[in-house]
Full PDB file with SEQRES, HELIX, SHEET, SSBOND, CRYST1, ORIGX, SCALE, CONECT and MASTER records, all heavy atoms in Angstrom:
SEQRES   1 A   38  GLY ARG LEU PRO ASP ASP VAL THR LYS GLN GLN GLU ASP          
SEQRES   2 A   38  ARG SER PHE ILE ARG CYS GLN THR ASN GLN ILE PRO GLN          
SEQRES   3 A   38  VAL ILE GLU LYS VAL VAL ALA ASN ALA ARG THR LYS              
HELIX    1 AA1 THR A   21  GLN A   23  5                                   3    
HELIX    2 AA2 ILE A   24  THR A   37  1                                  14    
CRYST1    1.000    1.000    1.000  90.00  90.00  90.00 P 1           1          
ORIGX1      1.000000  0.000000  0.000000        0.00000                         
ORIGX2      0.000000  1.000000  0.000000        0.00000                         
ORIGX3      0.000000  0.000000  1.000000        0.00000                         
SCALE1      1.000000  0.000000  0.000000        0.00000                         
SCALE2      0.000000  1.000000  0.000000        0.00000                         
SCALE3      0.000000  0.000000  1.000000        0.00000                         
ATOM      1  N   GLY A   1     -51.222  -3.044  20.003  1.00  0.00           N  
ATOM      2  CA  GLY A   1     -50.663  -1.982  19.211  1.00  0.00           C  
ATOM      3  C   GLY A   1     -51.512  -1.300  18.122  1.00  0.00           C  
ATOM      4  O   GLY A   1     -51.032  -0.714  17.048  1.00  0.00           O  
ATOM      5  N   ARG A   2     -52.874  -1.508  18.200  1.00  0.00           N  
ATOM      6  CA  ARG A   2     -53.743  -0.950  17.267  1.00  0.00           C  
ATOM      7  C   ARG A   2     -54.736   0.091  17.834  1.00  0.00           C  
ATOM      8  O   ARG A   2     -55.114  -0.037  18.922  1.00  0.00           O  
ATOM      9  CB  ARG A   2     -54.615  -2.023  16.538  1.00  0.00           C  
ATOM     10  CG  ARG A   2     -53.754  -3.103  15.930  1.00  0.00           C  
ATOM     11  CD  ARG A   2     -54.688  -4.031  14.995  1.00  0.00           C  
ATOM     12  NE  ARG A   2     -55.645  -4.791  15.695  1.00  0.00           N  
ATOM     13  CZ  ARG A   2     -55.432  -6.060  15.845  1.00  0.00           C  
ATOM     14  NH1 ARG A   2     -54.532  -6.781  15.442  1.00  0.00           N  
ATOM     15  NH2 ARG A   2     -56.375  -6.861  16.582  1.00  0.00           N  
ATOM     16  N   LEU A   3     -54.924   1.116  17.052  1.00  0.00           N  
ATOM     17  CA  LEU A   3     -55.959   2.092  17.447  1.00  0.00           C  
ATOM     18  C   LEU A   3     -57.204   1.842  16.568  1.00  0.00           C  
ATOM     19  O   LEU A   3     -57.185   2.041  15.427  1.00  0.00           O  
ATOM     20  CB  LEU A   3     -55.453   3.561  17.231  1.00  0.00           C  
ATOM     21  CG  LEU A   3     -56.336   4.583  17.668  1.00  0.00           C  
ATOM     22  CD1 LEU A   3     -56.418   4.577  19.212  1.00  0.00           C  
ATOM     23  CD2 LEU A   3     -55.638   6.038  17.321  1.00  0.00           C  
ATOM     24  N   PRO A   4     -58.278   1.495  17.235  1.00  0.00           N  
ATOM     25  CA  PRO A   4     -59.490   1.162  16.441  1.00  0.00           C  
ATOM     26  C   PRO A   4     -59.985   2.468  15.676  1.00  0.00           C  
ATOM     27  O   PRO A   4     -59.766   3.622  16.030  1.00  0.00           O  
ATOM     28  CB  PRO A   4     -60.633   0.849  17.613  1.00  0.00           C  
ATOM     29  CG  PRO A   4     -59.698   0.487  18.795  1.00  0.00           C  
ATOM     30  CD  PRO A   4     -58.463   1.394  18.719  1.00  0.00           C  
ATOM     31  N   ASP A   5     -60.645   2.081  14.509  1.00  0.00           N  
ATOM     32  CA  ASP A   5     -61.109   3.243  13.755  1.00  0.00           C  
ATOM     33  C   ASP A   5     -62.206   4.093  14.434  1.00  0.00           C  
ATOM     34  O   ASP A   5     -62.445   5.251  14.133  1.00  0.00           O  
ATOM     35  CB  ASP A   5     -61.735   2.657  12.414  1.00  0.00           C  
ATOM     36  CG  ASP A   5     -60.672   2.064  11.513  1.00  0.00           C  
ATOM     37  OD1 ASP A   5     -59.390   2.483  11.658  1.00  0.00           O  
ATOM     38  OD2 ASP A   5     -60.965   1.117  10.877  1.00  0.00           O  
ATOM     39  N   ASP A   6     -62.904   3.344  15.407  1.00  0.00           N  
ATOM     40  CA  ASP A   6     -64.021   3.958  15.987  1.00  0.00           C  
ATOM     41  C   ASP A   6     -63.729   4.769  17.412  1.00  0.00           C  
ATOM     42  O   ASP A   6     -64.500   4.965  18.207  1.00  0.00           O  
ATOM     43  CB  ASP A   6     -65.234   3.143  16.308  1.00  0.00           C  
ATOM     44  CG  ASP A   6     -64.766   1.936  17.226  1.00  0.00           C  
ATOM     45  OD1 ASP A   6     -63.597   1.879  17.677  1.00  0.00           O  
ATOM     46  OD2 ASP A   6     -65.695   1.147  17.640  1.00  0.00           O  
ATOM     47  N   VAL A   7     -62.343   4.979  17.575  1.00  0.00           N  
ATOM     48  CA  VAL A   7     -61.895   5.407  18.752  1.00  0.00           C  
ATOM     49  C   VAL A   7     -62.433   6.772  19.295  1.00  0.00           C  
ATOM     50  O   VAL A   7     -62.809   7.230  20.396  1.00  0.00           O  
ATOM     51  CB  VAL A   7     -60.312   5.466  18.880  1.00  0.00           C  
ATOM     52  CG1 VAL A   7     -59.814   6.679  17.964  1.00  0.00           C  
ATOM     53  CG2 VAL A   7     -59.763   5.947  20.310  1.00  0.00           C  
ATOM     54  N   THR A   8     -62.794   7.688  18.175  1.00  0.00           N  
ATOM     55  CA  THR A   8     -63.400   8.987  18.394  1.00  0.00           C  
ATOM     56  C   THR A   8     -64.873   8.954  18.328  1.00  0.00           C  
ATOM     57  O   THR A   8     -65.555   9.871  18.606  1.00  0.00           O  
ATOM     58  CB  THR A   8     -62.791   9.909  17.239  1.00  0.00           C  
ATOM     59  OG1 THR A   8     -63.069   9.596  16.068  1.00  0.00           O  
ATOM     60  CG2 THR A   8     -61.303  10.206  17.566  1.00  0.00           C  
ATOM     61  N   LYS A   9     -65.414   7.716  17.935  1.00  0.00           N  
ATOM     62  CA  LYS A   9     -66.944   7.656  17.818  1.00  0.00           C  
ATOM     63  C   LYS A   9     -67.623   7.527  19.234  1.00  0.00           C  
ATOM     64  O   LYS A   9     -67.011   6.814  20.075  1.00  0.00           O  
ATOM     65  CB  LYS A   9     -67.277   6.512  16.997  1.00  0.00           C  
ATOM     66  CG  LYS A   9     -68.738   6.246  16.681  1.00  0.00           C  
ATOM     67  CD  LYS A   9     -68.951   4.999  15.824  1.00  0.00           C  
ATOM     68  CE  LYS A   9     -70.343   4.836  15.622  1.00  0.00           C  
ATOM     69  NZ  LYS A   9     -70.713   3.594  14.803  1.00  0.00           N  
ATOM     70  N   GLN A  10     -68.649   8.239  19.414  1.00  0.00           N  
ATOM     71  CA  GLN A  10     -69.315   8.074  20.715  1.00  0.00           C  
ATOM     72  C   GLN A  10     -69.902   6.643  20.946  1.00  0.00           C  
ATOM     73  O   GLN A  10     -70.620   6.087  20.085  1.00  0.00           O  
ATOM     74  CB  GLN A  10     -70.534   9.072  20.614  1.00  0.00           C  
ATOM     75  CG  GLN A  10     -71.294   9.203  22.006  1.00  0.00           C  
ATOM     76  CD  GLN A  10     -70.740   9.965  23.116  1.00  0.00           C  
ATOM     77  OE1 GLN A  10     -70.003  10.775  22.686  1.00  0.00           O  
ATOM     78  NE2 GLN A  10     -71.023   9.702  24.363  1.00  0.00           N  
ATOM     79  N   GLN A  11     -69.493   6.066  22.108  1.00  0.00           N  
ATOM     80  CA  GLN A  11     -70.142   4.818  22.393  1.00  0.00           C  
ATOM     81  C   GLN A  11     -71.017   4.881  23.739  1.00  0.00           C  
ATOM     82  O   GLN A  11     -70.932   5.947  24.335  1.00  0.00           O  
ATOM     83  CB  GLN A  11     -68.862   3.796  22.724  1.00  0.00           C  
ATOM     84  CG  GLN A  11     -67.822   3.776  21.580  1.00  0.00           C  
ATOM     85  CD  GLN A  11     -68.272   2.812  20.534  1.00  0.00           C  
ATOM     86  OE1 GLN A  11     -69.332   2.033  20.605  1.00  0.00           O  
ATOM     87  NE2 GLN A  11     -67.560   2.759  19.328  1.00  0.00           N  
ATOM     88  N   GLU A  12     -71.658   3.817  24.064  1.00  0.00           N  
ATOM     89  CA  GLU A  12     -72.456   3.888  25.151  1.00  0.00           C  
ATOM     90  C   GLU A  12     -71.648   4.049  26.438  1.00  0.00           C  
ATOM     91  O   GLU A  12     -72.127   4.713  27.502  1.00  0.00           O  
ATOM     92  CB  GLU A  12     -73.263   2.645  25.298  1.00  0.00           C  
ATOM     93  CG  GLU A  12     -74.280   2.657  26.339  1.00  0.00           C  
ATOM     94  CD  GLU A  12     -75.435   1.442  26.223  1.00  0.00           C  
ATOM     95  OE1 GLU A  12     -75.532   0.854  25.122  1.00  0.00           O  
ATOM     96  OE2 GLU A  12     -75.680   1.021  27.251  1.00  0.00           O  
ATOM     97  N   ASP A  13     -70.413   3.498  26.554  1.00  0.00           N  
ATOM     98  CA  ASP A  13     -69.648   3.566  27.787  1.00  0.00           C  
ATOM     99  C   ASP A  13     -68.325   4.371  27.524  1.00  0.00           C  
ATOM    100  O   ASP A  13     -67.520   4.559  28.604  1.00  0.00           O  
ATOM    101  CB  ASP A  13     -69.359   2.177  28.320  1.00  0.00           C  
ATOM    102  CG  ASP A  13     -68.584   1.331  27.282  1.00  0.00           C  
ATOM    103  OD1 ASP A  13     -68.475   1.853  26.032  1.00  0.00           O  
ATOM    104  OD2 ASP A  13     -68.311   0.177  27.574  1.00  0.00           O  
ATOM    105  N   ARG A  14     -68.042   4.927  26.484  1.00  0.00           N  
ATOM    106  CA  ARG A  14     -66.904   5.771  26.250  1.00  0.00           C  
ATOM    107  C   ARG A  14     -67.061   6.839  25.229  1.00  0.00           C  
ATOM    108  O   ARG A  14     -67.995   6.682  24.368  1.00  0.00           O  
ATOM    109  CB  ARG A  14     -65.612   4.898  25.934  1.00  0.00           C  
ATOM    110  CG  ARG A  14     -65.638   4.194  24.630  1.00  0.00           C  
ATOM    111  CD  ARG A  14     -64.335   3.497  24.430  1.00  0.00           C  
ATOM    112  NE  ARG A  14     -64.374   2.545  23.360  1.00  0.00           N  
ATOM    113  CZ  ARG A  14     -64.018   2.984  22.040  1.00  0.00           C  
ATOM    114  NH1 ARG A  14     -63.800   4.089  21.739  1.00  0.00           N  
ATOM    115  NH2 ARG A  14     -64.164   1.909  20.991  1.00  0.00           N  
ATOM    116  N   SER A  15     -66.374   7.824  25.327  1.00  0.00           N  
ATOM    117  CA  SER A  15     -66.381   8.954  24.288  1.00  0.00           C  
ATOM    118  C   SER A  15     -64.978   9.628  24.050  1.00  0.00           C  
ATOM    119  O   SER A  15     -64.117   9.357  24.975  1.00  0.00           O  
ATOM    120  CB  SER A  15     -67.368  10.006  24.776  1.00  0.00           C  
ATOM    121  OG  SER A  15     -67.081  10.532  26.012  1.00  0.00           O  
ATOM    122  N   PHE A  16     -64.883  10.385  23.054  1.00  0.00           N  
ATOM    123  CA  PHE A  16     -63.562  11.123  22.729  1.00  0.00           C  
ATOM    124  C   PHE A  16     -63.887  12.613  22.527  1.00  0.00           C  
ATOM    125  O   PHE A  16     -64.693  12.833  21.572  1.00  0.00           O  
ATOM    126  CB  PHE A  16     -62.894  10.471  21.440  1.00  0.00           C  
ATOM    127  CG  PHE A  16     -61.458  10.844  21.382  1.00  0.00           C  
ATOM    128  CD1 PHE A  16     -60.383   9.871  21.607  1.00  0.00           C  
ATOM    129  CD2 PHE A  16     -61.104  12.219  20.932  1.00  0.00           C  
ATOM    130  CE1 PHE A  16     -59.099  10.400  21.543  1.00  0.00           C  
ATOM    131  CE2 PHE A  16     -59.678  12.549  20.769  1.00  0.00           C  
ATOM    132  CZ  PHE A  16     -58.763  11.628  21.093  1.00  0.00           C  
ATOM    133  N   ILE A  17     -63.206  13.514  23.167  1.00  0.00           N  
ATOM    134  CA  ILE A  17     -63.607  14.830  23.089  1.00  0.00           C  
ATOM    135  C   ILE A  17     -62.256  15.622  22.501  1.00  0.00           C  
ATOM    136  O   ILE A  17     -61.190  15.419  23.066  1.00  0.00           O  
ATOM    137  CB  ILE A  17     -63.967  15.579  24.289  1.00  0.00           C  
ATOM    138  CG1 ILE A  17     -65.127  14.966  24.845  1.00  0.00           C  
ATOM    139  CG2 ILE A  17     -64.135  17.125  23.973  1.00  0.00           C  
ATOM    140  CD1 ILE A  17     -65.581  15.420  26.361  1.00  0.00           C  
ATOM    141  N   ARG A  18     -62.311  16.008  21.312  1.00  0.00           N  
ATOM    142  CA  ARG A  18     -61.081  16.665  20.638  1.00  0.00           C  
ATOM    143  C   ARG A  18     -60.867  17.923  21.278  1.00  0.00           C  
ATOM    144  O   ARG A  18     -61.656  18.812  21.315  1.00  0.00           O  
ATOM    145  CB  ARG A  18     -61.284  16.702  19.142  1.00  0.00           C  
ATOM    146  CG  ARG A  18     -61.176  15.374  18.378  1.00  0.00           C  
ATOM    147  CD  ARG A  18     -61.095  15.724  16.831  1.00  0.00           C  
ATOM    148  NE  ARG A  18     -60.994  14.347  16.097  1.00  0.00           N  
ATOM    149  CZ  ARG A  18     -62.001  13.807  15.730  1.00  0.00           C  
ATOM    150  NH1 ARG A  18     -63.249  14.047  15.988  1.00  0.00           N  
ATOM    151  NH2 ARG A  18     -61.803  12.577  14.945  1.00  0.00           N  
ATOM    152  N   CYS A  19     -59.666  18.189  21.738  1.00  0.00           N  
ATOM    153  CA  CYS A  19     -59.322  19.524  22.242  1.00  0.00           C  
ATOM    154  C   CYS A  19     -57.707  19.562  22.309  1.00  0.00           C  
ATOM    155  O   CYS A  19     -57.012  18.515  22.225  1.00  0.00           O  
ATOM    156  CB  CYS A  19     -59.924  19.772  23.618  1.00  0.00           C  
ATOM    157  SG  CYS A  19     -59.431  18.532  24.853  1.00  0.00           S  
ATOM    158  N   GLN A  20     -57.224  20.823  22.498  1.00  0.00           N  
ATOM    159  CA  GLN A  20     -55.713  20.991  22.630  1.00  0.00           C  
ATOM    160  C   GLN A  20     -55.333  21.171  24.099  1.00  0.00           C  
ATOM    161  O   GLN A  20     -56.177  21.270  24.944  1.00  0.00           O  
ATOM    162  CB  GLN A  20     -55.359  22.195  21.794  1.00  0.00           C  
ATOM    163  CG  GLN A  20     -55.540  21.989  20.311  1.00  0.00           C  
ATOM    164  CD  GLN A  20     -55.248  23.297  19.542  1.00  0.00           C  
ATOM    165  OE1 GLN A  20     -55.208  24.453  20.093  1.00  0.00           O  
ATOM    166  NE2 GLN A  20     -54.952  23.045  18.276  1.00  0.00           N  
ATOM    167  N   THR A  21     -54.075  21.247  24.297  1.00  0.00           N  
ATOM    168  CA  THR A  21     -53.450  21.144  25.661  1.00  0.00           C  
ATOM    169  C   THR A  21     -54.101  22.301  26.562  1.00  0.00           C  
ATOM    170  O   THR A  21     -54.593  21.958  27.609  1.00  0.00           O  
ATOM    171  CB  THR A  21     -52.001  21.319  25.721  1.00  0.00           C  
ATOM    172  OG1 THR A  21     -51.416  20.310  24.907  1.00  0.00           O  
ATOM    173  CG2 THR A  21     -51.286  21.339  27.056  1.00  0.00           C  
ATOM    174  N   ASN A  22     -54.117  23.570  26.043  1.00  0.00           N  
ATOM    175  CA  ASN A  22     -54.694  24.578  26.776  1.00  0.00           C  
ATOM    176  C   ASN A  22     -56.192  24.553  27.080  1.00  0.00           C  
ATOM    177  O   ASN A  22     -56.824  25.286  27.879  1.00  0.00           O  
ATOM    178  CB  ASN A  22     -54.323  25.963  26.332  1.00  0.00           C  
ATOM    179  CG  ASN A  22     -54.934  26.163  24.791  1.00  0.00           C  
ATOM    180  OD1 ASN A  22     -55.318  25.220  24.134  1.00  0.00           O  
ATOM    181  ND2 ASN A  22     -54.711  27.304  24.319  1.00  0.00           N  
ATOM    182  N   GLN A  23     -56.790  23.602  26.375  1.00  0.00           N  
ATOM    183  CA  GLN A  23     -58.435  23.539  26.598  1.00  0.00           C  
ATOM    184  C   GLN A  23     -58.693  22.302  27.529  1.00  0.00           C  
ATOM    185  O   GLN A  23     -59.862  22.224  27.837  1.00  0.00           O  
ATOM    186  CB  GLN A  23     -58.972  23.159  25.151  1.00  0.00           C  
ATOM    187  CG  GLN A  23     -58.851  24.397  24.118  1.00  0.00           C  
ATOM    188  CD  GLN A  23     -59.363  23.934  22.775  1.00  0.00           C  
ATOM    189  OE1 GLN A  23     -59.043  22.834  22.268  1.00  0.00           O  
ATOM    190  NE2 GLN A  23     -60.025  24.804  22.092  1.00  0.00           N  
ATOM    191  N   ILE A  24     -57.666  21.584  27.832  1.00  0.00           N  
ATOM    192  CA  ILE A  24     -57.912  20.405  28.703  1.00  0.00           C  
ATOM    193  C   ILE A  24     -58.613  20.798  30.054  1.00  0.00           C  
ATOM    194  O   ILE A  24     -59.548  20.069  30.231  1.00  0.00           O  
ATOM    195  CB  ILE A  24     -56.604  19.620  28.888  1.00  0.00           C  
ATOM    196  CG1 ILE A  24     -56.201  18.853  27.676  1.00  0.00           C  
ATOM    197  CG2 ILE A  24     -56.825  18.594  30.001  1.00  0.00           C  
ATOM    198  CD1 ILE A  24     -57.064  17.666  27.266  1.00  0.00           C  
ATOM    199  N   PRO A  25     -58.188  21.736  30.785  1.00  0.00           N  
ATOM    200  CA  PRO A  25     -58.924  22.001  32.053  1.00  0.00           C  
ATOM    201  C   PRO A  25     -60.287  22.364  31.873  1.00  0.00           C  
ATOM    202  O   PRO A  25     -61.252  22.024  32.585  1.00  0.00           O  
ATOM    203  CB  PRO A  25     -58.097  23.267  32.554  1.00  0.00           C  
ATOM    204  CG  PRO A  25     -56.698  23.138  31.889  1.00  0.00           C  
ATOM    205  CD  PRO A  25     -56.989  22.595  30.651  1.00  0.00           C  
ATOM    206  N   GLN A  26     -60.641  23.116  30.797  1.00  0.00           N  
ATOM    207  CA  GLN A  26     -62.061  23.631  30.567  1.00  0.00           C  
ATOM    208  C   GLN A  26     -62.986  22.415  30.263  1.00  0.00           C  
ATOM    209  O   GLN A  26     -64.011  22.290  30.640  1.00  0.00           O  
ATOM    210  CB  GLN A  26     -62.003  24.709  29.443  1.00  0.00           C  
ATOM    211  CG  GLN A  26     -63.375  25.223  29.074  1.00  0.00           C  
ATOM    212  CD  GLN A  26     -63.278  26.262  28.029  1.00  0.00           C  
ATOM    213  OE1 GLN A  26     -62.271  26.553  27.449  1.00  0.00           O  
ATOM    214  NE2 GLN A  26     -64.509  26.788  27.655  1.00  0.00           N  
ATOM    215  N   VAL A  27     -62.347  21.610  29.343  1.00  0.00           N  
ATOM    216  CA  VAL A  27     -63.090  20.366  28.894  1.00  0.00           C  
ATOM    217  C   VAL A  27     -63.453  19.359  30.060  1.00  0.00           C  
ATOM    218  O   VAL A  27     -64.614  18.996  30.253  1.00  0.00           O  
ATOM    219  CB  VAL A  27     -62.402  19.595  27.787  1.00  0.00           C  
ATOM    220  CG1 VAL A  27     -62.986  18.204  27.593  1.00  0.00           C  
ATOM    221  CG2 VAL A  27     -62.484  20.313  26.436  1.00  0.00           C  
ATOM    222  N   ILE A  28     -62.384  19.152  30.955  1.00  0.00           N  
ATOM    223  CA  ILE A  28     -62.503  18.296  32.036  1.00  0.00           C  
ATOM    224  C   ILE A  28     -63.499  18.858  32.982  1.00  0.00           C  
ATOM    225  O   ILE A  28     -64.387  18.143  33.634  1.00  0.00           O  
ATOM    226  CB  ILE A  28     -61.181  17.946  32.704  1.00  0.00           C  
ATOM    227  CG1 ILE A  28     -60.376  17.115  31.759  1.00  0.00           C  
ATOM    228  CG2 ILE A  28     -61.438  17.330  34.094  1.00  0.00           C  
ATOM    229  CD1 ILE A  28     -59.017  16.774  32.259  1.00  0.00           C  
ATOM    230  N   GLU A  29     -63.520  20.221  33.221  1.00  0.00           N  
ATOM    231  CA  GLU A  29     -64.414  20.924  34.227  1.00  0.00           C  
ATOM    232  C   GLU A  29     -65.961  20.763  33.700  1.00  0.00           C  
ATOM    233  O   GLU A  29     -66.780  20.391  34.538  1.00  0.00           O  
ATOM    234  CB  GLU A  29     -64.032  22.374  34.127  1.00  0.00           C  
ATOM    235  CG  GLU A  29     -64.874  23.092  35.153  1.00  0.00           C  
ATOM    236  CD  GLU A  29     -64.504  24.550  35.255  1.00  0.00           C  
ATOM    237  OE1 GLU A  29     -63.581  25.068  34.485  1.00  0.00           O  
ATOM    238  OE2 GLU A  29     -64.998  25.361  36.139  1.00  0.00           O  
ATOM    239  N   LYS A  30     -66.065  20.809  32.423  1.00  0.00           N  
ATOM    240  CA  LYS A  30     -67.464  20.588  31.880  1.00  0.00           C  
ATOM    241  C   LYS A  30     -67.861  19.278  31.940  1.00  0.00           C  
ATOM    242  O   LYS A  30     -69.068  18.817  32.384  1.00  0.00           O  
ATOM    243  CB  LYS A  30     -67.528  21.069  30.516  1.00  0.00           C  
ATOM    244  CG  LYS A  30     -67.501  22.589  30.177  1.00  0.00           C  
ATOM    245  CD  LYS A  30     -67.811  22.873  28.812  1.00  0.00           C  
ATOM    246  CE  LYS A  30     -67.691  24.495  28.582  1.00  0.00           C  
ATOM    247  NZ  LYS A  30     -67.742  24.780  27.238  1.00  0.00           N  
ATOM    248  N   VAL A  31     -67.015  18.230  31.823  1.00  0.00           N  
ATOM    249  CA  VAL A  31     -67.413  16.741  31.949  1.00  0.00           C  
ATOM    250  C   VAL A  31     -67.729  16.429  33.360  1.00  0.00           C  
ATOM    251  O   VAL A  31     -68.730  15.711  33.613  1.00  0.00           O  
ATOM    252  CB  VAL A  31     -66.235  15.939  31.451  1.00  0.00           C  
ATOM    253  CG1 VAL A  31     -66.388  14.373  31.718  1.00  0.00           C  
ATOM    254  CG2 VAL A  31     -65.943  16.036  29.847  1.00  0.00           C  
ATOM    255  N   VAL A  32     -66.864  17.000  34.139  1.00  0.00           N  
ATOM    256  CA  VAL A  32     -67.096  16.718  35.743  1.00  0.00           C  
ATOM    257  C   VAL A  32     -68.438  17.315  36.225  1.00  0.00           C  
ATOM    258  O   VAL A  32     -69.137  16.659  36.943  1.00  0.00           O  
ATOM    259  CB  VAL A  32     -65.883  17.086  36.604  1.00  0.00           C  
ATOM    260  CG1 VAL A  32     -66.191  17.115  37.932  1.00  0.00           C  
ATOM    261  CG2 VAL A  32     -64.666  16.269  36.210  1.00  0.00           C  
ATOM    262  N   ALA A  33     -68.647  18.476  35.733  1.00  0.00           N  
ATOM    263  CA  ALA A  33     -69.893  19.268  36.177  1.00  0.00           C  
ATOM    264  C   ALA A  33     -71.087  18.473  35.676  1.00  0.00           C  
ATOM    265  O   ALA A  33     -72.189  18.402  36.448  1.00  0.00           O  
ATOM    266  CB  ALA A  33     -69.910  20.644  35.598  1.00  0.00           C  
ATOM    267  N   ASN A  34     -71.029  17.911  34.463  1.00  0.00           N  
ATOM    268  CA  ASN A  34     -72.046  17.227  33.887  1.00  0.00           C  
ATOM    269  C   ASN A  34     -72.295  15.944  34.708  1.00  0.00           C  
ATOM    270  O   ASN A  34     -73.512  15.386  34.919  1.00  0.00           O  
ATOM    271  CB  ASN A  34     -71.841  16.942  32.331  1.00  0.00           C  
ATOM    272  CG  ASN A  34     -72.996  16.203  31.700  1.00  0.00           C  
ATOM    273  OD1 ASN A  34     -74.111  16.542  31.893  1.00  0.00           O  
ATOM    274  ND2 ASN A  34     -72.647  15.202  30.987  1.00  0.00           N  
ATOM    275  N   ALA A  35     -71.249  15.157  35.050  1.00  0.00           N  
ATOM    276  CA  ALA A  35     -71.296  13.949  35.702  1.00  0.00           C  
ATOM    277  C   ALA A  35     -71.905  14.131  37.178  1.00  0.00           C  
ATOM    278  O   ALA A  35     -72.722  13.278  37.593  1.00  0.00           O  
ATOM    279  CB  ALA A  35     -69.960  13.285  35.833  1.00  0.00           C  
ATOM    280  N   ARG A  36     -71.623  15.282  37.771  1.00  0.00           N  
ATOM    281  CA  ARG A  36     -72.190  15.560  39.155  1.00  0.00           C  
ATOM    282  C   ARG A  36     -73.668  15.881  39.055  1.00  0.00           C  
ATOM    283  O   ARG A  36     -74.325  15.430  40.043  1.00  0.00           O  
ATOM    284  CB  ARG A  36     -71.346  16.809  39.713  1.00  0.00           C  
ATOM    285  CG  ARG A  36     -69.897  16.492  40.082  1.00  0.00           C  
ATOM    286  CD  ARG A  36     -69.412  17.691  40.824  1.00  0.00           C  
ATOM    287  NE  ARG A  36     -69.991  17.846  42.225  1.00  0.00           N  
ATOM    288  CZ  ARG A  36     -69.816  18.813  42.944  1.00  0.00           C  
ATOM    289  NH1 ARG A  36     -69.386  20.012  42.453  1.00  0.00           N  
ATOM    290  NH2 ARG A  36     -70.370  18.756  44.130  1.00  0.00           N  
ATOM    291  N   THR A  37     -74.108  16.442  37.926  1.00  0.00           N  
ATOM    292  CA  THR A  37     -75.584  16.543  37.943  1.00  0.00           C  
ATOM    293  C   THR A  37     -76.300  15.286  37.802  1.00  0.00           C  
ATOM    294  O   THR A  37     -77.468  15.133  38.120  1.00  0.00           O  
ATOM    295  CB  THR A  37     -75.970  17.449  36.600  1.00  0.00           C  
ATOM    296  OG1 THR A  37     -75.470  16.901  35.541  1.00  0.00           O  
ATOM    297  CG2 THR A  37     -75.205  18.760  36.733  1.00  0.00           C  
ATOM    298  N   LYS A  38     -75.555  14.289  37.399  1.00  0.00           N  
ATOM    299  CA  LYS A  38     -76.158  12.898  37.247  1.00  0.00           C  
ATOM    300  C   LYS A  38     -75.960  12.066  38.580  1.00  0.00           C  
ATOM    301  O   LYS A  38     -76.307  10.898  38.574  1.00  0.00           O  
ATOM    302  CB  LYS A  38     -75.591  12.165  36.081  1.00  0.00           C  
ATOM    303  CG  LYS A  38     -75.861  12.868  34.664  1.00  0.00           C  
ATOM    304  CD  LYS A  38     -75.320  12.008  33.598  1.00  0.00           C  
ATOM    305  CE  LYS A  38     -75.619  12.768  32.274  1.00  0.00           C  
ATOM    306  NZ  LYS A  38     -74.901  11.938  31.085  1.00  0.00           N  
TER     307      LYS A  38                                                      
MASTER        0    0    0    2    0    0    0    6  306    1    0    3          
END                                                                             
């Protein structure tokens, strides 16, 4: 039941991207495109 203080901090295996509902598709599209290049 706890949210760590570092939840939004960039980690080696996880990250948090702040955005609103209408920005979700655009953000996910960029994340996926970046992953595909790798």
